[in-house]
């Protein structure tokens, strides 16, 4: 059989229909489509794809199981190293990681590893995830702060090793950025709940509405008998531009906007309690995945027009190509090489945004060409809502209330890259709380490393 160089397409909602609903955009593979795509894998003796996966999923092995029609076995194989396969199959940047290493890239398109991971996980969920074997408890307590991808991964790995694990979450819902940051049309929240339910069946305990650093401190946790602590609190402190007009009504951080929409279900108002003001013309400032999410949410909330305002060109845009493509299909307008310089308002509300055109100069520290203002190119964009999607930094609360915890000047917790160990013995950290805003799978990889290091640390204390 000749090698098929192009991947099997995935069905999607029609752009005209989906731009006004929050249903999932990508519809997934059927069993026949999954087998057809899995058969493209040539089962390399040295699988570079596994090296590109931060949690080291045994990719050729699970794909081979799909070719044999053993879909539930494929899901179990993934779960040997990845506790959140339905999530990762949807939101991981596979094109920069596992799929980027696929040898088929030399002649055609890589195997659609992410789509196959999603298929196997979804298939198992529909059939019913089997109860995990609960390990024998070894009588040691570990606290995990934050129920995002880093915290959930660390908790699951530690529970499998027999630790008594409790996850403390500041919100009333579990899942961290998976529930407050990523829209329903990219990641249905029912799937996140099922993944968390599996951890509960594994023996992980969850406590919500607890803000560590306020409700209680890390010192309190040690006093309560926890022998190690993992900090996976993410990066929830939004950045702004510090330009005139940012305090006007109608200016949001992307964090606030997406939390209102996703966690508080503002798109269901009045069935849900949290409203969000209807805007007619929205500007989203930024070029990452969060900017795409905010823009696409605004469109679904009946905005007449939504603009992405980004100071570089599309080539420098950090968002996934798939997210940019979907945004364009849905009618999002891209104002590239454009930067806001002030927000204009009347009676305390946004009425416009003054911008300036940019051109690209020499590369900066990020390796991308530095945007330079074009003199005399200022213009006014009429908008009634502005969403700042400029990145986030860690909340300083834990660092400010924890003795002996060293942090970076910008707020990130200083932790060993290989182990997650911080400057305080018994305290580990990983994910966005250490790196600043990054990806779900990198946070999960940090959670796995920290769990292994915590186990080694506690074993050494016998």
Protein backbone atom coordinates (compact mmCIF):
# COMPACT_ATOMS: atom_id res chain seq x y z
CA UNK A 1 0.00 0.00 0.00
CA UNK A 2 1.52 3.38 -1.01
CA UNK A 3 2.17 5.83 1.83
CA UNK A 4 -0.60 8.39 2.16
CA UNK A 5 1.09 11.79 2.42
CA UNK A 6 -1.95 13.86 3.43
CA UNK A 7 -3.72 13.42 6.75
CA UNK A 8 -7.36 12.43 7.08
CA UNK A 9 -9.46 15.59 7.39
CA UNK A 10 -11.55 16.19 10.53
CA UNK A 11 -15.15 17.28 10.21
CA UNK A 12 -16.03 20.72 11.62
CA UNK A 13 -19.09 22.85 12.20
CA UNK A 14 -19.84 25.20 9.31
CA UNK A 15 -18.31 28.65 10.10
CA UNK A 16 -21.57 30.51 9.39
CA UNK A 17 -23.42 28.37 11.93
CA UNK A 18 -20.74 28.07 14.61
CA UNK A 19 -19.98 31.81 14.86
CA UNK A 20 -23.25 32.17 16.78
CA UNK A 21 -23.08 29.11 19.05
CA UNK A 22 -20.73 27.71 21.70
CA UNK A 23 -20.87 24.09 20.49
CA UNK A 24 -17.57 22.40 19.76
CA UNK A 25 -16.08 23.42 16.41
CA UNK A 26 -14.07 20.26 15.61
CA UNK A 27 -16.30 17.19 15.50
CA UNK A 28 -13.68 14.45 15.80
CA UNK A 29 -12.94 11.29 13.84
CA UNK A 30 -15.30 8.39 13.26
CA UNK A 31 -13.81 4.92 13.95
CA UNK A 32 -13.17 4.39 10.23
CA UNK A 33 -11.49 7.79 9.90
CA UNK A 34 -9.35 7.13 12.97
CA UNK A 35 -8.18 3.77 11.63
CA UNK A 36 -7.45 5.29 8.22
CA UNK A 37 -5.34 8.05 9.81
CA UNK A 38 -3.61 5.66 12.23
CA UNK A 39 -2.54 3.48 9.31
CA UNK A 40 -0.39 6.36 8.06
CA UNK A 41 1.99 5.85 11.02
CA UNK A 42 5.05 3.89 9.85
CA UNK A 43 5.91 2.73 13.41
CA UNK A 44 9.44 4.15 13.52
CA UNK A 45 12.02 2.13 15.44
CA UNK A 46 13.21 5.41 16.95
CA UNK A 47 10.02 7.43 17.52
CA UNK A 48 11.05 11.07 17.54
CA UNK A 49 7.41 11.98 18.20
CA UNK A 50 7.69 10.61 21.76
CA UNK A 51 10.73 12.83 22.37
CA UNK A 52 8.59 15.82 21.38
CA UNK A 53 5.88 15.03 23.94
CA UNK A 54 6.39 16.72 27.34
CA UNK A 55 4.63 13.80 29.10
CA UNK A 56 6.20 11.09 26.88
CA UNK A 57 3.04 9.39 25.61
CA UNK A 58 3.99 6.15 23.83
CA UNK A 59 2.61 7.43 20.56
CA UNK A 60 3.41 4.63 18.08
CA UNK A 61 2.04 2.05 20.53
CA UNK A 62 -1.34 3.72 21.03
CA UNK A 63 -1.65 4.44 17.30
CA UNK A 64 -0.98 0.76 16.46
CA UNK A 65 -3.78 -0.23 18.83
CA UNK A 66 -6.12 2.09 16.91
CA UNK A 67 -5.20 0.42 13.61
CA UNK A 68 -6.25 -2.88 15.22
CA UNK A 69 -9.58 -1.42 16.34
CA UNK A 70 -8.57 -1.69 20.00
CA UNK A 71 -9.72 1.81 20.86
CA UNK A 72 -10.13 1.41 24.61
CA UNK A 73 -6.72 -0.23 24.88
CA UNK A 74 -5.31 2.76 22.99
CA UNK A 75 -6.85 5.11 25.55
CA UNK A 76 -5.38 3.08 28.40
CA UNK A 77 -1.95 3.17 26.76
CA UNK A 78 -2.14 6.98 26.57
CA UNK A 79 -3.22 7.17 30.21
CA UNK A 80 -0.09 5.39 31.34
CA UNK A 81 1.65 8.75 31.06
CA UNK A 82 -1.08 11.32 30.28
CA UNK A 83 -3.90 11.74 32.78
CA UNK A 84 -5.87 14.21 30.59
CA UNK A 85 -5.94 12.78 27.05
CA UNK A 86 -9.33 14.24 26.02
CA UNK A 87 -8.01 17.68 26.99
CA UNK A 88 -4.61 17.32 25.34
CA UNK A 89 -6.13 15.95 22.14
CA UNK A 90 -7.95 19.25 21.77
CA UNK A 91 -5.74 22.05 23.08
CA UNK A 92 -2.10 20.90 22.89
CA UNK A 93 0.08 22.53 20.21
CA UNK A 94 0.96 19.16 18.66
CA UNK A 95 2.20 20.91 15.53
CA UNK A 96 5.09 22.31 17.60
CA UNK A 97 5.77 19.15 19.62
CA UNK A 98 5.05 15.51 18.74
CA UNK A 99 3.76 16.15 15.22
CA UNK A 100 6.70 18.45 14.47
CA UNK A 101 9.04 15.45 15.00
CA UNK A 102 7.06 13.04 12.79
CA UNK A 103 9.24 11.74 9.94
CA UNK A 104 6.33 12.01 7.49
CA UNK A 105 6.89 15.77 7.53
CA UNK A 106 9.82 15.18 5.17
CA UNK A 107 7.51 14.21 2.32
CA UNK A 108 4.03 15.27 3.34
CA UNK A 109 1.92 15.87 6.44
CA UNK A 110 2.62 14.40 9.86
CA UNK A 111 0.34 11.82 11.41
CA UNK A 112 -2.55 13.61 13.15
CA UNK A 113 -1.41 12.49 16.60
CA UNK A 114 -3.57 14.95 18.52
CA UNK A 115 -6.72 14.00 16.65
CA UNK A 116 -6.06 10.31 17.28
CA UNK A 117 -5.44 10.96 20.98
CA UNK A 118 -8.75 12.82 21.16
CA UNK A 119 -10.53 9.99 19.35
CA UNK A 120 -9.24 7.29 21.72
CA UNK A 121 -10.06 9.35 24.83
CA UNK A 122 -13.55 10.27 23.58
CA UNK A 123 -14.29 6.68 22.62
CA UNK A 124 -13.40 5.46 26.10
CA UNK A 125 -15.46 8.21 27.73
CA UNK A 126 -18.53 7.22 25.70
CA UNK A 127 -18.07 3.57 26.65
CA UNK A 128 -17.42 4.46 30.30
CA UNK A 129 -13.97 4.87 31.84
CA UNK A 130 -13.20 1.77 33.94
CA UNK A 131 -12.55 2.26 37.63
CA UNK A 132 -8.83 2.59 38.33
CA UNK A 133 -7.06 0.30 40.73
CA UNK A 134 -6.65 2.23 43.95
CA UNK A 135 -3.10 1.79 45.24
CA UNK A 136 -2.42 0.91 48.85
CA UNK A 137 -2.03 4.11 50.86
CA UNK A 138 1.47 4.63 52.23
CA UNK A 139 0.37 7.03 54.97
CA UNK A 140 1.88 10.26 53.65
CA UNK A 141 -0.07 13.41 52.84
CA UNK A 142 0.73 15.75 49.96
CA UNK A 143 -1.06 19.03 49.25
CA UNK A 144 -1.52 20.30 45.71
CA UNK A 145 -2.45 23.98 45.27
CA UNK A 146 -4.43 24.61 42.11
CA UNK A 147 -6.56 22.26 40.02
CA UNK A 148 -5.28 23.27 36.61
CA UNK A 149 -3.29 20.97 34.32
CA UNK A 150 -0.09 21.04 36.42
CA UNK A 151 -1.92 20.38 39.68
CA UNK A 152 -4.18 17.65 38.27
CA UNK A 153 -1.20 15.84 36.73
CA UNK A 154 0.88 15.99 39.90
CA UNK A 155 -2.10 14.86 41.99
CA UNK A 156 -2.86 11.89 39.76
CA UNK A 157 0.75 10.68 39.62
CA UNK A 158 1.15 10.99 43.39
CA UNK A 159 -2.16 9.22 44.05
CA UNK A 160 -1.04 6.31 41.85
CA UNK A 161 2.04 6.02 44.07
CA UNK A 162 -0.14 5.66 47.18
CA UNK A 163 0.01 9.18 48.59
CA UNK A 164 -2.97 10.77 50.31
CA UNK A 165 -3.42 13.77 47.99
CA UNK A 166 -5.64 16.80 48.55
CA UNK A 167 -6.05 19.49 45.88
CA UNK A 168 -6.94 23.00 47.07
CA UNK A 169 -8.74 25.19 44.50
CA UNK A 170 -9.56 28.88 44.93
CA UNK A 171 -12.59 28.84 42.61
CA UNK A 172 -15.88 27.06 43.20
CA UNK A 173 -15.27 24.87 40.12
CA UNK A 174 -12.35 22.54 39.48
CA UNK A 175 -10.11 22.64 36.41
CA UNK A 176 -8.22 25.94 36.59
CA UNK A 177 -7.52 27.45 33.18
CA UNK A 178 -9.24 24.47 31.55
CA UNK A 179 -12.60 25.79 32.80
CA UNK A 180 -12.09 29.54 33.14
CA UNK A 181 -9.77 30.22 30.23
CA UNK A 182 -10.58 27.90 27.31
CA UNK A 183 -13.98 28.35 25.63
CA UNK A 184 -16.61 25.62 25.39
CA UNK A 185 -16.29 25.51 21.59
CA UNK A 186 -12.65 24.41 21.93
CA UNK A 187 -12.88 22.32 25.10
CA UNK A 188 -16.31 21.17 26.36
CA UNK A 189 -16.38 21.46 30.13
CA UNK A 190 -18.21 18.13 30.49
CA UNK A 191 -15.00 16.44 29.34
CA UNK A 192 -12.92 18.26 31.95
CA UNK A 193 -15.39 17.14 34.63
CA UNK A 194 -15.09 13.53 33.50
CA UNK A 195 -11.29 13.69 33.64
CA UNK A 196 -11.48 15.12 37.18
CA UNK A 197 -14.04 12.50 38.19
CA UNK A 198 -11.49 9.84 37.22
CA UNK A 199 -9.00 11.42 39.64
CA UNK A 200 -11.60 11.34 42.39
CA UNK A 201 -12.12 7.64 41.75
CA UNK A 202 -8.36 7.27 42.02
CA UNK A 203 -8.62 8.66 45.55
CA UNK A 204 -7.64 12.32 45.07
CA UNK A 205 -9.58 14.66 47.37
CA UNK A 206 -10.59 18.16 46.25
CA UNK A 207 -11.37 21.24 48.36
CA UNK A 208 -12.81 24.30 46.60
CA UNK A 209 -13.14 27.96 47.66
CA UNK A 210 -9.78 27.92 49.43
CA UNK A 211 -7.28 30.65 48.60
CA UNK A 212 -3.87 29.51 49.80
CA UNK A 213 -2.12 32.62 51.05
CA UNK A 214 -5.38 34.00 52.40
CA UNK A 215 -7.76 31.30 53.67
CA UNK A 216 -4.73 29.35 54.84
CA UNK A 217 -0.97 29.37 54.20
CA UNK A 218 1.63 26.83 53.19
CA UNK A 219 2.83 26.88 56.80
CA UNK A 220 -0.71 25.89 57.84
CA UNK A 221 -0.59 22.94 55.44
CA UNK A 222 2.65 21.65 56.96
CA UNK A 223 1.17 22.16 60.44
CA UNK A 224 -1.82 20.06 59.34
CA UNK A 225 0.44 17.11 58.57
CA UNK A 226 1.15 17.53 54.87
CA UNK A 227 4.72 16.46 54.20
CA UNK A 228 5.13 18.10 50.80
CA UNK A 229 3.34 20.80 48.81
CA UNK A 230 3.08 21.31 45.06
CA UNK A 231 2.21 24.82 43.83
CA UNK A 232 0.37 24.77 40.51
CA UNK A 233 -1.54 28.03 40.76
CA UNK A 234 -1.01 29.16 37.19
CA UNK A 235 -0.63 32.74 36.04
CA UNK A 236 -3.84 34.62 36.61
CA UNK A 237 -2.65 38.20 37.03
CA UNK A 238 -3.41 40.06 33.76
CA UNK A 239 -1.12 42.54 32.05
CA UNK A 240 -2.22 45.91 30.70
CA UNK A 241 -0.54 48.42 28.38
CA UNK A 242 -0.51 51.34 30.83
CA UNK A 243 -2.03 53.68 28.25
CA UNK A 244 -4.65 56.40 28.85
CA UNK A 245 -8.24 55.18 29.09
CA UNK A 246 -7.65 51.65 30.33
CA UNK A 247 -9.87 52.29 33.36
CA UNK A 248 -12.94 53.06 31.25
CA UNK A 249 -16.00 50.84 31.42
CA UNK A 250 -15.84 48.43 28.51
CA UNK A 251 -12.13 47.65 28.90
CA UNK A 252 -11.54 44.07 30.04
CA UNK A 253 -8.56 41.90 30.68
CA UNK A 254 -8.92 38.70 28.66
CA UNK A 255 -8.82 36.84 31.99
CA UNK A 256 -11.91 38.63 33.30
CA UNK A 257 -13.73 38.39 29.99
CA UNK A 258 -13.08 34.68 29.49
CA UNK A 259 -13.82 33.87 33.14
CA UNK A 260 -17.18 35.57 32.86
CA UNK A 261 -17.95 33.71 29.64
CA UNK A 262 -16.52 30.27 30.41
CA UNK A 263 -16.61 29.70 34.16
CA UNK A 264 -19.62 31.88 34.95
CA UNK A 265 -21.49 30.96 31.73
CA UNK A 266 -22.34 34.56 30.76
CA UNK A 267 -23.30 33.33 27.30
CA UNK A 268 -26.29 31.56 28.92
CA UNK A 269 -27.57 34.67 30.74
CA UNK A 270 -30.27 34.95 32.12
CA UNK A 271 -30.22 31.17 32.71
CA UNK A 272 -26.83 31.74 34.38
CA UNK A 273 -26.34 34.50 36.94
CA UNK A 274 -23.45 36.42 35.38
CA UNK A 275 -24.25 38.92 32.60
CA UNK A 276 -21.84 40.49 30.17
CA UNK A 277 -22.57 43.74 28.35
CA UNK A 278 -23.34 43.33 24.66
CA UNK A 279 -20.77 45.15 22.56
CA UNK A 280 -21.30 46.06 18.92
CA UNK A 281 -17.68 46.55 17.84
CA UNK A 282 -14.93 44.84 19.83
CA UNK A 283 -11.15 45.20 19.65
CA UNK A 284 -9.01 42.41 21.11
CA UNK A 285 -5.42 43.52 21.63
CA UNK A 286 -2.88 40.69 21.28
CA UNK A 287 -1.98 37.82 18.96
CA UNK A 288 -1.90 34.66 21.08
CA UNK A 289 -4.37 31.84 21.62
CA UNK A 290 -6.04 33.80 24.42
CA UNK A 291 -6.66 36.68 22.02
CA UNK A 292 -8.25 34.27 19.51
CA UNK A 293 -10.42 32.77 22.26
CA UNK A 294 -11.59 36.19 23.45
CA UNK A 295 -12.33 37.40 19.92
CA UNK A 296 -14.28 34.29 18.99
CA UNK A 297 -16.26 34.50 22.26
CA UNK A 298 -17.12 38.15 21.57
CA UNK A 299 -18.41 37.19 18.14
CA UNK A 300 -20.61 34.48 19.66
CA UNK A 301 -21.98 37.05 22.12
CA UNK A 302 -23.58 38.87 19.18
CA UNK A 303 -20.95 41.51 18.46
CA UNK A 304 -21.45 42.98 15.01
CA UNK A 305 -17.72 43.23 14.35
CA UNK A 306 -14.63 41.88 16.12
CA UNK A 307 -11.05 42.97 15.43
CA UNK A 308 -7.73 41.41 16.43
CA UNK A 309 -5.30 44.30 16.91
CA UNK A 310 -1.70 43.06 16.83
CA UNK A 311 1.48 45.08 16.61
CA UNK A 312 3.43 42.58 14.49
CA UNK A 313 2.61 40.67 11.32
CA UNK A 314 0.85 37.31 11.10
CA UNK A 315 4.20 35.53 10.73
CA UNK A 316 5.15 36.58 14.29
CA UNK A 317 1.76 35.81 15.80
CA UNK A 318 2.14 33.26 18.65
CA UNK A 319 -1.36 31.79 18.29
CA UNK A 320 -1.75 28.31 16.83
CA UNK A 321 -2.25 28.37 13.06
CA UNK A 322 -5.47 26.36 13.51
CA UNK A 323 -6.91 28.99 15.87
CA UNK A 324 -6.03 31.83 13.48
CA UNK A 325 -7.58 29.88 10.62
CA UNK A 326 -10.80 29.26 12.56
CA UNK A 327 -10.99 32.92 13.60
CA UNK A 328 -10.66 34.07 10.00
CA UNK A 329 -13.28 31.57 8.83
CA UNK A 330 -15.69 32.98 11.40
CA UNK A 331 -15.20 36.54 10.21
CA UNK A 332 -12.77 38.00 12.75
CA UNK A 333 -10.98 41.01 11.22
CA UNK A 334 -7.19 41.14 11.65
CA UNK A 335 -5.62 44.59 12.03
CA UNK A 336 -1.94 43.67 11.89
CA UNK A 337 1.05 45.97 12.39
CA UNK A 338 -1.24 48.12 14.53
CA UNK A 339 -0.79 49.19 18.16
CA UNK A 340 -3.16 51.07 20.53
CA UNK A 341 -1.84 54.28 22.11
CA UNK A 342 -4.95 55.41 24.02
CA UNK A 343 -8.55 54.40 24.66
CA UNK A 344 -11.20 57.06 24.18
CA UNK A 345 -14.44 57.36 26.11
CA UNK A 346 -17.50 59.43 26.93
CA UNK A 347 -19.35 59.40 30.26
CA UNK A 348 -16.92 56.79 31.53
CA UNK A 349 -17.50 54.30 28.69
CA UNK A 350 -15.37 53.25 25.74
CA UNK A 351 -16.21 54.88 22.42
CA UNK A 352 -13.00 54.36 20.49
CA UNK A 353 -9.33 53.50 20.46
CA UNK A 354 -6.51 55.53 18.96
CA UNK A 355 -3.93 53.35 17.21
CA UNK A 356 -0.70 53.81 15.32
CA UNK A 357 0.61 51.78 12.41
CA UNK A 358 3.82 49.79 12.95
CA UNK A 359 6.60 48.42 10.79
CA UNK A 360 9.02 45.61 11.60
CA UNK A 361 12.62 46.40 12.48
CA UNK A 362 15.45 44.22 13.75
CA UNK A 363 14.75 41.09 15.86
CA UNK A 364 14.35 41.60 19.62
CA UNK A 365 15.19 39.24 22.53
CA UNK A 366 12.30 36.92 21.56
CA UNK A 367 13.79 36.42 18.09
CA UNK A 368 10.84 38.18 16.46
CA UNK A 369 11.30 41.41 14.52
CA UNK A 370 10.72 44.43 16.75
CA UNK A 371 7.67 46.56 15.87
CA UNK A 372 8.50 50.24 15.31
CA UNK A 373 5.86 53.04 15.16
CA UNK A 374 5.30 54.75 11.81
CA UNK A 375 5.30 58.50 12.43
CA UNK A 376 2.10 60.30 11.50
CA UNK A 377 0.06 57.09 10.99
CA UNK A 378 -2.28 57.53 13.97
CA UNK A 379 -5.97 56.81 13.42
CA UNK A 380 -9.14 56.29 15.48
CA UNK A 381 -10.92 52.95 15.58
CA UNK A 382 -14.55 53.19 16.71
CA UNK A 383 -15.16 50.45 19.31
CA UNK A 384 -17.33 50.07 22.39
CA UNK A 385 -15.30 47.27 24.04
CA UNK A 386 -11.58 46.57 24.30
CA UNK A 387 -10.17 43.25 25.55
CA UNK A 388 -6.50 43.23 26.56
CA UNK A 389 -4.99 39.80 25.79
CA UNK A 390 -1.35 40.64 26.52
CA UNK A 391 -0.33 37.74 28.70
CA UNK A 392 -0.42 37.10 32.44
CA UNK A 393 1.91 36.72 35.41
CA UNK A 394 1.58 34.63 38.59
CA UNK A 395 -0.49 36.00 41.45
CA UNK A 396 1.97 37.20 44.15
CA UNK A 397 -0.21 36.05 47.08
CA UNK A 398 1.50 32.72 47.80
CA UNK A 399 5.00 34.14 47.45
CA UNK A 400 4.11 37.02 49.77
CA UNK A 401 2.81 34.70 52.49
CA UNK A 402 5.37 31.88 52.30
CA UNK A 403 8.64 32.18 54.19
CA UNK A 404 11.74 31.15 52.26
CA UNK A 405 10.16 31.01 48.79
CA UNK A 406 12.32 32.76 46.21
CA UNK A 407 10.68 34.38 43.20
CA UNK A 408 11.73 36.00 39.93
CA UNK A 409 11.63 39.82 39.63
CA UNK A 410 8.54 39.43 37.41
CA UNK A 411 6.74 37.20 39.94
CA UNK A 412 7.42 33.63 38.83
CA UNK A 413 8.39 31.11 41.52
CA UNK A 414 12.01 29.99 41.16
CA UNK A 415 12.02 26.21 40.78
CA UNK A 416 14.45 23.64 39.45
CA UNK A 417 13.54 22.82 35.86
CA UNK A 418 14.13 19.09 36.25
CA UNK A 419 12.39 18.56 39.60
CA UNK A 420 10.22 21.57 40.40
CA UNK A 421 12.02 21.96 43.75
CA UNK A 422 11.81 25.49 45.15
CA UNK A 423 14.10 27.25 47.62
CA UNK A 424 12.00 25.91 50.49
CA UNK A 425 12.43 22.21 51.37
CA UNK A 426 9.33 20.15 50.71
CA UNK A 427 7.76 22.80 48.47
CA UNK A 428 7.64 22.20 44.70
CA UNK A 429 6.16 24.27 41.89
CA UNK A 430 5.45 23.92 38.20
CA UNK A 431 3.48 25.20 35.24
CA UNK A 432 2.57 28.83 34.64
CA UNK A 433 3.31 29.74 38.29
CA UNK A 434 6.97 29.14 37.40
CA UNK A 435 7.22 29.90 33.67
CA UNK A 436 4.52 32.50 33.20
CA UNK A 437 1.70 31.82 30.75
CA UNK A 438 2.55 28.79 28.58
CA UNK A 439 0.72 25.68 27.30
CA UNK A 440 -1.41 23.03 28.99
CA UNK A 441 0.94 20.21 28.05
CA UNK A 442 4.06 21.99 29.34
CA UNK A 443 2.27 22.53 32.66
CA UNK A 444 1.40 18.84 32.73
CA UNK A 445 5.01 17.91 32.03
CA UNK A 446 6.09 20.07 34.97
CA UNK A 447 3.49 18.39 37.18
CA UNK A 448 4.84 14.94 36.26
CA UNK A 449 8.44 15.92 37.01
CA UNK A 450 7.46 17.42 40.36
CA UNK A 451 5.42 14.36 41.36
CA UNK A 452 8.42 12.10 40.71
CA UNK A 453 10.68 14.47 42.67
CA UNK A 454 8.25 14.66 45.60
CA UNK A 455 8.15 10.85 45.71
CA UNK A 456 11.95 10.69 45.76
CA UNK A 457 12.09 13.39 48.44
CA UNK A 458 9.57 11.67 50.72
CA UNK A 459 11.12 8.25 50.15
CA UNK A 460 14.42 9.73 51.26
CA UNK A 461 12.84 10.92 54.49
CA UNK A 462 11.98 7.40 55.63
